[in-house]
């Protein structure tokens, strides 16, 4: 348990940051599911528009180090691969 005033403040800040990060990761997972759903339904138009929205959010979260940059690249690559296969 935090004893000093500074440590108590850092504990409060850590809790706030944890809540915000968890919310953003949850939002990311939901957006990824939307893209995967479009791919599964072979709906290239909806999958592409959802991918564009999701890719910018993935990049933003990777910049803020909420997700790892390699994980961000992997998510985008897998979704992009699925969308390109719909075009064939």
PDB file of N, CA and C in Angstrom:
ATOM      1  N   UNK A   1       0.840  -1.176   0.000  1.00  0.00           N
ATOM      2  CA  UNK A   1       0.000   0.000   0.000  1.00  0.00           C
ATOM      3  C   UNK A   1       0.890   1.246   0.000  1.00  0.00           C
ATOM      4  N   UNK A   2       0.426   2.258  -0.722  1.00  0.00           N
ATOM      5  CA  UNK A   2       1.194   3.501  -0.815  1.00  0.00           C
ATOM      6  C   UNK A   2       1.185   4.231   0.519  1.00  0.00           C
ATOM      7  N   UNK A   3       2.340   4.730   0.919  1.00  0.00           N
ATOM      8  CA  UNK A   3       2.454   5.435   2.194  1.00  0.00           C
ATOM      9  C   UNK A   3       2.607   6.942   2.031  1.00  0.00           C
ATOM     10  N   UNK A   4       3.352   7.355   1.025  1.00  0.00           N
ATOM     11  CA  UNK A   4       3.602   8.781   0.861  1.00  0.00           C
ATOM     12  C   UNK A   4       2.519   9.415  -0.012  1.00  0.00           C
ATOM     13  N   UNK A   5       2.436  10.720   0.053  1.00  0.00           N
ATOM     14  CA  UNK A   5       1.458  11.461  -0.735  1.00  0.00           C
ATOM     15  C   UNK A   5       1.691  11.234  -2.231  1.00  0.00           C
ATOM     16  N   UNK A   6       2.960  11.238  -2.621  1.00  0.00           N
ATOM     17  CA  UNK A   6       3.320  11.035  -4.028  1.00  0.00           C
ATOM     18  C   UNK A   6       2.919   9.633  -4.489  1.00  0.00           C
ATOM     19  N   UNK A   7       3.191   8.638  -3.660  1.00  0.00           N
ATOM     20  CA  UNK A   7       2.865   7.265  -4.028  1.00  0.00           C
ATOM     21  C   UNK A   7       1.353   7.058  -4.130  1.00  0.00           C
ATOM     22  N   UNK A   8       0.593   7.737  -3.260  1.00  0.00           N
ATOM     23  CA  UNK A   8      -0.867   7.622  -3.324  1.00  0.00           C
ATOM     24  C   UNK A   8      -1.398   8.239  -4.612  1.00  0.00           C
ATOM     25  N   UNK A   9      -0.814   9.363  -4.995  1.00  0.00           N
ATOM     26  CA  UNK A   9      -1.233  10.007  -6.245  1.00  0.00           C
ATOM     27  C   UNK A   9      -0.905   9.113  -7.439  1.00  0.00           C
ATOM     28  N   UNK A  10       0.291   8.537  -7.452  1.00  0.00           N
ATOM     29  CA  UNK A  10       0.677   7.648  -8.559  1.00  0.00           C
ATOM     30  C   UNK A  10      -0.258   6.445  -8.630  1.00  0.00           C
ATOM     31  N   UNK A  11      -0.686   5.936  -7.479  1.00  0.00           N
ATOM     32  CA  UNK A  11      -1.616   4.803  -7.462  1.00  0.00           C
ATOM     33  C   UNK A  11      -2.958   5.211  -8.071  1.00  0.00           C
ATOM     34  N   UNK A  12      -3.427   6.411  -7.753  1.00  0.00           N
ATOM     35  CA  UNK A  12      -4.680   6.913  -8.343  1.00  0.00           C
ATOM     36  C   UNK A  12      -4.533   7.064  -9.852  1.00  0.00           C
ATOM     37  N   UNK A  13      -3.407   7.632 -10.275  1.00  0.00           N
ATOM     38  CA  UNK A  13      -3.187   7.826 -11.707  1.00  0.00           C
ATOM     39  C   UNK A  13      -3.094   6.485 -12.442  1.00  0.00           C
ATOM     40  N   UNK A  14      -2.430   5.527 -11.831  1.00  0.00           N
ATOM     41  CA  UNK A  14      -2.280   4.210 -12.452  1.00  0.00           C
ATOM     42  C   UNK A  14      -3.643   3.563 -12.652  1.00  0.00           C
ATOM     43  N   UNK A  15      -4.523   3.706 -11.695  1.00  0.00           N
ATOM     44  CA  UNK A  15      -5.870   3.136 -11.797  1.00  0.00           C
ATOM     45  C   UNK A  15      -6.646   3.803 -12.944  1.00  0.00           C
ATOM     46  N   UNK A  16      -6.528   5.115 -13.044  1.00  0.00           N
ATOM     47  CA  UNK A  16      -7.201   5.848 -14.127  1.00  0.00           C
ATOM     48  C   UNK A  16      -6.676   5.407 -15.483  1.00  0.00           C
ATOM     49  N   UNK A  17      -5.361   5.305 -15.600  1.00  0.00           N
ATOM     50  CA  UNK A  17      -4.756   4.884 -16.862  1.00  0.00           C
ATOM     51  C   UNK A  17      -5.146   3.451 -17.205  1.00  0.00           C
ATOM     52  N   UNK A  18      -5.182   2.576 -16.211  1.00  0.00           N
ATOM     53  CA  UNK A  18      -5.553   1.181 -16.442  1.00  0.00           C
ATOM     54  C   UNK A  18      -6.975   1.084 -16.979  1.00  0.00           C
ATOM     55  N   UNK A  19      -7.888   1.845 -16.392  1.00  0.00           N
ATOM     56  CA  UNK A  19      -9.279   1.834 -16.849  1.00  0.00           C
ATOM     57  C   UNK A  19      -9.398   2.337 -18.290  1.00  0.00           C
ATOM     58  N   UNK A  20      -8.699   3.426 -18.584  1.00  0.00           N
ATOM     59  CA  UNK A  20      -8.766   3.993 -19.931  1.00  0.00           C
ATOM     60  C   UNK A  20      -8.165   3.028 -20.946  1.00  0.00           C
ATOM     61  N   UNK A  21      -7.023   2.436 -20.618  1.00  0.00           N
ATOM     62  CA  UNK A  21      -6.378   1.500 -21.541  1.00  0.00           C
ATOM     63  C   UNK A  21      -7.245   0.274 -21.783  1.00  0.00           C
ATOM     64  N   UNK A  22      -7.879  -0.235 -20.730  1.00  0.00           N
ATOM     65  CA  UNK A  22      -8.747  -1.402 -20.880  1.00  0.00           C
ATOM     66  C   UNK A  22      -9.920  -1.073 -21.791  1.00  0.00           C
ATOM     67  N   UNK A  23     -10.468   0.110 -21.655  1.00  0.00           N
ATOM     68  CA  UNK A  23     -11.581   0.538 -22.501  1.00  0.00           C
ATOM     69  C   UNK A  23     -11.149   0.617 -23.964  1.00  0.00           C
ATOM     70  N   UNK A  24      -9.993   1.173 -24.204  1.00  0.00           N
ATOM     71  CA  UNK A  24      -9.517   1.301 -25.579  1.00  0.00           C
ATOM     72  C   UNK A  24      -9.186  -0.049 -26.198  1.00  0.00           C
ATOM     73  N   UNK A  25      -8.617  -0.969 -25.403  1.00  0.00           N
ATOM     74  CA  UNK A  25      -8.341  -2.320 -25.926  1.00  0.00           C
ATOM     75  C   UNK A  25      -9.644  -3.033 -26.256  1.00  0.00           C
ATOM     76  N   UNK A  26     -10.663  -2.845 -25.431  1.00  0.00           N
ATOM     77  CA  UNK A  26     -11.967  -3.455 -25.681  1.00  0.00           C
ATOM     78  C   UNK A  26     -12.568  -2.910 -26.975  1.00  0.00           C
ATOM     79  N   UNK A  27     -12.483  -1.593 -27.176  1.00  0.00           N
ATOM     80  CA  UNK A  27     -12.975  -0.969 -28.394  1.00  0.00           C
ATOM     81  C   UNK A  27     -12.245  -1.541 -29.605  1.00  0.00           C
ATOM     82  N   UNK A  28     -10.936  -1.728 -29.476  1.00  0.00           N
ATOM     83  CA  UNK A  28     -10.142  -2.279 -30.571  1.00  0.00           C
ATOM     84  C   UNK A  28     -10.613  -3.685 -30.928  1.00  0.00           C
ATOM     85  N   UNK A  29     -10.825  -4.509 -29.924  1.00  0.00           N
ATOM     86  CA  UNK A  29     -11.279  -5.879 -30.188  1.00  0.00           C
ATOM     87  C   UNK A  29     -12.628  -5.890 -30.901  1.00  0.00           C
ATOM     88  N   UNK A  30     -13.514  -4.988 -30.514  1.00  0.00           N
ATOM     89  CA  UNK A  30     -14.824  -4.891 -31.152  1.00  0.00           C
ATOM     90  C   UNK A  30     -14.679  -4.502 -32.619  1.00  0.00           C
ATOM     91  N   UNK A  31     -13.813  -3.538 -32.911  1.00  0.00           N
ATOM     92  CA  UNK A  31     -13.609  -3.113 -34.296  1.00  0.00           C
ATOM     93  C   UNK A  31     -12.994  -4.225 -35.135  1.00  0.00           C
ATOM     94  N   UNK A  32     -12.066  -4.968 -34.561  1.00  0.00           N
ATOM     95  CA  UNK A  32     -11.452  -6.090 -35.289  1.00  0.00           C
ATOM     96  C   UNK A  32     -12.513  -7.141 -35.605  1.00  0.00           C
ATOM     97  N   UNK A  33     -13.404  -7.395 -34.657  1.00  0.00           N
ATOM     98  CA  UNK A  33     -14.490  -8.358 -34.901  1.00  0.00           C
ATOM     99  C   UNK A  33     -15.392  -7.884 -36.035  1.00  0.00           C
ATOM    100  N   UNK A  34     -15.614  -6.569 -36.131  1.00  0.00           N
ATOM    101  CA  UNK A  34     -16.458  -6.030 -37.196  1.00  0.00           C
ATOM    102  C   UNK A  34     -15.827  -6.311 -38.561  1.00  0.00           C
ATOM    103  N   UNK A  35     -14.504  -6.141 -38.660  1.00  0.00           N
ATOM    104  CA  UNK A  35     -13.808  -6.420 -39.921  1.00  0.00           C
ATOM    105  C   UNK A  35     -13.883  -7.912 -40.228  1.00  0.00           C
ATOM    106  N   UNK A  36     -13.606  -8.742 -39.228  1.00  0.00           N
ATOM    107  CA  UNK A  36     -13.647 -10.193 -39.444  1.00  0.00           C
ATOM    108  C   UNK A  36     -15.041 -10.661 -39.832  1.00  0.00           C
ATOM    109  N   UNK A  37     -16.060 -10.029 -39.286  1.00  0.00           N
ATOM    110  CA  UNK A  37     -17.433 -10.375 -39.629  1.00  0.00           C
ATOM    111  C   UNK A  37     -17.706 -10.047 -41.099  1.00  0.00           C
ATOM    112  N   UNK A  38     -17.226  -8.891 -41.558  1.00  0.00           N
ATOM    113  CA  UNK A  38     -17.377  -8.528 -42.969  1.00  0.00           C
ATOM    114  C   UNK A  38     -16.656  -9.495 -43.886  1.00  0.00           C
ATOM    115  N   UNK A  39     -15.481  -9.943 -43.461  1.00  0.00           N
ATOM    116  CA  UNK A  39     -14.724 -10.922 -44.265  1.00  0.00           C
ATOM    117  C   UNK A  39     -15.452 -12.258 -44.297  1.00  0.00           C
ATOM    118  N   UNK A  40     -15.964 -12.682 -43.136  1.00  0.00           N
ATOM    119  CA  UNK A  40     -16.661 -13.970 -43.068  1.00  0.00           C
ATOM    120  C   UNK A  40     -17.927 -13.973 -43.919  1.00  0.00           C
ATOM    121  N   UNK A  41     -18.592 -12.821 -44.013  1.00  0.00           N
ATOM    122  CA  UNK A  41     -19.816 -12.718 -44.814  1.00  0.00           C
ATOM    123  C   UNK A  41     -19.522 -12.381 -46.270  1.00  0.00           C
ATOM    124  N   UNK A  42     -18.247 -12.331 -46.622  1.00  0.00           N
ATOM    125  CA  UNK A  42     -17.799 -12.027 -47.980  1.00  0.00           C
ATOM    126  C   UNK A  42     -18.351 -10.681 -48.469  1.00  0.00           C
ATOM    127  N   UNK A  43     -18.385  -9.731 -47.570  1.00  0.00           N
ATOM    128  CA  UNK A  43     -18.866  -8.383 -47.875  1.00  0.00           C
ATOM    129  C   UNK A  43     -17.659  -7.448 -47.927  1.00  0.00           C
ATOM    130  N   UNK A  44     -17.071  -7.331 -49.118  1.00  0.00           N
ATOM    131  CA  UNK A  44     -15.816  -6.596 -49.249  1.00  0.00           C
ATOM    132  C   UNK A  44     -15.995  -5.111 -48.966  1.00  0.00           C
ATOM    133  N   UNK A  45     -17.122  -4.548 -49.354  1.00  0.00           N
ATOM    134  CA  UNK A  45     -17.333  -3.105 -49.156  1.00  0.00           C
ATOM    135  C   UNK A  45     -17.351  -2.760 -47.663  1.00  0.00           C
ATOM    136  N   UNK A  46     -18.146  -3.474 -46.889  1.00  0.00           N
ATOM    137  CA  UNK A  46     -18.217  -3.206 -45.450  1.00  0.00           C
ATOM    138  C   UNK A  46     -16.908  -3.555 -44.750  1.00  0.00           C
ATOM    139  N   UNK A  47     -16.276  -4.633 -45.168  1.00  0.00           N
ATOM    140  CA  UNK A  47     -15.015  -5.042 -44.551  1.00  0.00           C
ATOM    141  C   UNK A  47     -13.934  -3.992 -44.802  1.00  0.00           C
ATOM    142  N   UNK A  48     -13.909  -3.434 -46.004  1.00  0.00           N
ATOM    143  CA  UNK A  48     -12.910  -2.427 -46.340  1.00  0.00           C
ATOM    144  C   UNK A  48     -13.120  -1.143 -45.548  1.00  0.00           C
ATOM    145  N   UNK A  49     -14.370  -0.708 -45.456  1.00  0.00           N
ATOM    146  CA  UNK A  49     -14.633   0.526 -44.707  1.00  0.00           C
ATOM    147  C   UNK A  49     -14.339   0.327 -43.218  1.00  0.00           C
ATOM    148  N   UNK A  50     -14.686  -0.836 -42.684  1.00  0.00           N
ATOM    149  CA  UNK A  50     -14.385  -1.131 -41.278  1.00  0.00           C
ATOM    150  C   UNK A  50     -12.878  -1.233 -41.066  1.00  0.00           C
ATOM    151  N   UNK A  51     -12.169  -1.785 -42.049  1.00  0.00           N
ATOM    152  CA  UNK A  51     -10.710  -1.899 -41.936  1.00  0.00           C
ATOM    153  C   UNK A  51     -10.057  -0.522 -41.876  1.00  0.00           C
ATOM    154  N   UNK A  52     -10.518   0.402 -42.702  1.00  0.00           N
ATOM    155  CA  UNK A  52      -9.920   1.735 -42.721  1.00  0.00           C
ATOM    156  C   UNK A  52     -10.087   2.420 -41.374  1.00  0.00           C
ATOM    157  N   UNK A  53     -11.256   2.284 -40.781  1.00  0.00           N
ATOM    158  CA  UNK A  53     -11.502   2.860 -39.459  1.00  0.00           C
ATOM    159  C   UNK A  53     -10.625   2.184 -38.404  1.00  0.00           C
ATOM    160  N   UNK A  54     -10.559   0.868 -38.479  1.00  0.00           N
ATOM    161  CA  UNK A  54      -9.816   0.100 -37.489  1.00  0.00           C
ATOM    162  C   UNK A  54      -8.315   0.338 -37.596  1.00  0.00           C
ATOM    163  N   UNK A  55      -7.794   0.431 -38.805  1.00  0.00           N
ATOM    164  CA  UNK A  55      -6.353   0.600 -39.003  1.00  0.00           C
ATOM    165  C   UNK A  55      -5.853   1.895 -38.363  1.00  0.00           C
ATOM    166  N   UNK A  56      -6.634   2.973 -38.490  1.00  0.00           N
ATOM    167  CA  UNK A  56      -6.179   4.232 -37.904  1.00  0.00           C
ATOM    168  C   UNK A  56      -6.181   4.144 -36.378  1.00  0.00           C
ATOM    169  N   UNK A  57      -7.152   3.445 -35.816  1.00  0.00           N
ATOM    170  CA  UNK A  57      -7.198   3.293 -34.358  1.00  0.00           C
ATOM    171  C   UNK A  57      -6.077   2.378 -33.883  1.00  0.00           C
ATOM    172  N   UNK A  58      -5.789   1.338 -34.644  1.00  0.00           N
ATOM    173  CA  UNK A  58      -4.677   0.445 -34.293  1.00  0.00           C
ATOM    174  C   UNK A  58      -3.371   1.233 -34.257  1.00  0.00           C
ATOM    175  N   UNK A  59      -3.157   2.066 -35.265  1.00  0.00           N
ATOM    176  CA  UNK A  59      -1.933   2.873 -35.305  1.00  0.00           C
ATOM    177  C   UNK A  59      -1.856   3.819 -34.115  1.00  0.00           C
ATOM    178  N   UNK A  60      -2.980   4.429 -33.752  1.00  0.00           N
ATOM    179  CA  UNK A  60      -2.990   5.367 -32.629  1.00  0.00           C
ATOM    180  C   UNK A  60      -2.667   4.642 -31.324  1.00  0.00           C
ATOM    181  N   UNK A  61      -3.251   3.459 -31.121  1.00  0.00           N
ATOM    182  CA  UNK A  61      -2.998   2.714 -29.885  1.00  0.00           C
ATOM    183  C   UNK A  61      -1.562   2.211 -29.832  1.00  0.00           C
ATOM    184  N   UNK A  62      -0.990   1.874 -30.978  1.00  0.00           N
ATOM    185  CA  UNK A  62       0.407   1.439 -31.000  1.00  0.00           C
ATOM    186  C   UNK A  62       1.333   2.612 -30.685  1.00  0.00           C
ATOM    187  N   UNK A  63       0.990   3.797 -31.177  1.00  0.00           N
ATOM    188  CA  UNK A  63       1.794   4.987 -30.890  1.00  0.00           C
ATOM    189  C   UNK A  63       1.790   5.302 -29.404  1.00  0.00           C
ATOM    190  N   UNK A  64       0.636   5.105 -28.770  1.00  0.00           N
ATOM    191  CA  UNK A  64       0.511   5.377 -27.338  1.00  0.00           C
ATOM    192  C   UNK A  64       0.988   4.209 -26.479  1.00  0.00           C
ATOM    193  N   UNK A  65       1.458   3.156 -27.137  1.00  0.00           N
ATOM    194  CA  UNK A  65       1.997   1.959 -26.484  1.00  0.00           C
ATOM    195  C   UNK A  65       0.953   1.232 -25.632  1.00  0.00           C
ATOM    196  N   UNK A  66      -0.298   1.298 -26.072  1.00  0.00           N
ATOM    197  CA  UNK A  66      -1.355   0.528 -25.419  1.00  0.00           C
ATOM    198  C   UNK A  66      -1.306  -0.897 -25.946  1.00  0.00           C
ATOM    199  N   UNK A  67      -0.938  -1.040 -27.230  1.00  0.00           N
ATOM    200  CA  UNK A  67      -0.637  -2.355 -27.792  1.00  0.00           C
ATOM    201  C   UNK A  67       0.759  -2.272 -28.394  1.00  0.00           C
ATOM    202  N   UNK A  68       1.403  -3.406 -28.516  1.00  0.00           N
ATOM    203  CA  UNK A  68       2.762  -3.446 -29.054  1.00  0.00           C
ATOM    204  C   UNK A  68       2.728  -3.170 -30.552  1.00  0.00           C
ATOM    205  N   UNK A  69       3.772  -2.527 -31.071  1.00  0.00           N
ATOM    206  CA  UNK A  69       3.795  -2.151 -32.489  1.00  0.00           C
ATOM    207  C   UNK A  69       3.773  -3.372 -33.399  1.00  0.00           C
ATOM    208  N   UNK A  70       4.403  -4.464 -32.976  1.00  0.00           N
ATOM    209  CA  UNK A  70       4.381  -5.672 -33.809  1.00  0.00           C
ATOM    210  C   UNK A  70       2.999  -6.319 -33.792  1.00  0.00           C
ATOM    211  N   UNK A  71       2.305  -6.240 -32.673  1.00  0.00           N
ATOM    212  CA  UNK A  71       0.933  -6.750 -32.611  1.00  0.00           C
ATOM    213  C   UNK A  71       0.041  -5.925 -33.523  1.00  0.00           C
ATOM    214  N   UNK A  72       0.244  -4.616 -33.537  1.00  0.00           N
ATOM    215  CA  UNK A  72      -0.534  -3.742 -34.407  1.00  0.00           C
ATOM    216  C   UNK A  72      -0.309  -4.124 -35.874  1.00  0.00           C
ATOM    217  N   UNK A  73       0.929  -4.332 -36.246  1.00  0.00           N
ATOM    218  CA  UNK A  73       1.250  -4.719 -37.620  1.00  0.00           C
ATOM    219  C   UNK A  73       0.621  -6.068 -37.956  1.00  0.00           C
ATOM    220  N   UNK A  74       0.636  -6.987 -37.014  1.00  0.00           N
ATOM    221  CA  UNK A  74       0.058  -8.314 -37.237  1.00  0.00           C
ATOM    222  C   UNK A  74      -1.455  -8.225 -37.438  1.00  0.00           C
ATOM    223  N   UNK A  75      -2.138  -7.455 -36.599  1.00  0.00           N
ATOM    224  CA  UNK A  75      -3.592  -7.291 -36.749  1.00  0.00           C
ATOM    225  C   UNK A  75      -3.931  -6.739 -38.131  1.00  0.00           C
ATOM    226  N   UNK A  76      -3.218  -5.690 -38.527  1.00  0.00           N
ATOM    227  CA  UNK A  76      -3.503  -5.055 -39.806  1.00  0.00           C
ATOM    228  C   UNK A  76      -3.202  -5.995 -40.967  1.00  0.00           C
ATOM    229  N   UNK A  77      -2.105  -6.731 -40.878  1.00  0.00           N
ATOM    230  CA  UNK A  77      -1.727  -7.636 -41.963  1.00  0.00           C
ATOM    231  C   UNK A  77      -2.757  -8.755 -42.130  1.00  0.00           C
ATOM    232  N   UNK A  78      -3.218  -9.325 -41.025  1.00  0.00           N
ATOM    233  CA  UNK A  78      -4.191 -10.421 -41.112  1.00  0.00           C
ATOM    234  C   UNK A  78      -5.519  -9.934 -41.688  1.00  0.00           C
ATOM    235  N   UNK A  79      -5.960  -8.755 -41.258  1.00  0.00           N
ATOM    236  CA  UNK A  79      -7.217  -8.226 -41.787  1.00  0.00           C
ATOM    237  C   UNK A  79      -7.080  -7.873 -43.261  1.00  0.00           C
ATOM    238  N   UNK A  80      -5.967  -7.256 -43.630  1.00  0.00           N
ATOM    239  CA  UNK A  80      -5.738  -6.868 -45.019  1.00  0.00           C
ATOM    240  C   UNK A  80      -5.670  -8.095 -45.923  1.00  0.00           C
ATOM    241  N   UNK A  81      -5.037  -9.149 -45.438  1.00  0.00           N
ATOM    242  CA  UNK A  81      -4.943 -10.390 -46.210  1.00  0.00           C
ATOM    243  C   UNK A  81      -6.331 -10.961 -46.481  1.00  0.00           C
ATOM    244  N   UNK A  82      -7.180 -10.954 -45.462  1.00  0.00           N
ATOM    245  CA  UNK A  82      -8.538 -11.466 -45.622  1.00  0.00           C
ATOM    246  C   UNK A  82      -9.347 -10.647 -46.619  1.00  0.00           C
ATOM    247  N   UNK A  83      -9.184  -9.327 -46.580  1.00  0.00           N
ATOM    248  CA  UNK A  83      -9.930  -8.463 -47.497  1.00  0.00           C
ATOM    249  C   UNK A  83      -9.434  -8.656 -48.929  1.00  0.00           C
ATOM    250  N   UNK A  84      -8.131  -8.802 -49.108  1.00  0.00           N
ATOM    251  CA  UNK A  84      -7.596  -9.011 -50.456  1.00  0.00           C
ATOM    252  C   UNK A  84      -8.068 -10.344 -51.049  1.00  0.00           C
ATOM    253  N   UNK A  85      -8.248 -11.358 -50.215  1.00  0.00           N
ATOM    254  CA  UNK A  85      -8.720 -12.644 -50.708  1.00  0.00           C
ATOM    255  C   UNK A  85     -10.167 -12.569 -51.164  1.00  0.00           C
ATOM    256  N   UNK A  86     -10.930 -11.620 -50.633  1.00  0.00           N
ATOM    257  CA  UNK A  86     -12.318 -11.449 -51.082  1.00  0.00           C
ATOM    258  C   UNK A  86     -12.361 -10.950 -52.519  1.00  0.00           C
ATOM    259  N   UNK A  87     -11.375 -10.176 -52.912  1.00  0.00           N
ATOM    260  CA  UNK A  87     -11.344  -9.619 -54.259  1.00  0.00           C
ATOM    261  C   UNK A  87     -11.042 -10.631 -55.342  1.00  0.00           C
ATOM    262  N   UNK A  88     -10.515 -11.782 -54.965  1.00  0.00           N
ATOM    263  CA  UNK A  88     -10.143 -12.803 -55.957  1.00  0.00           C
ATOM    264  C   UNK A  88     -11.316 -13.640 -56.370  1.00  0.00           C
TER     265      UNK A  88
END
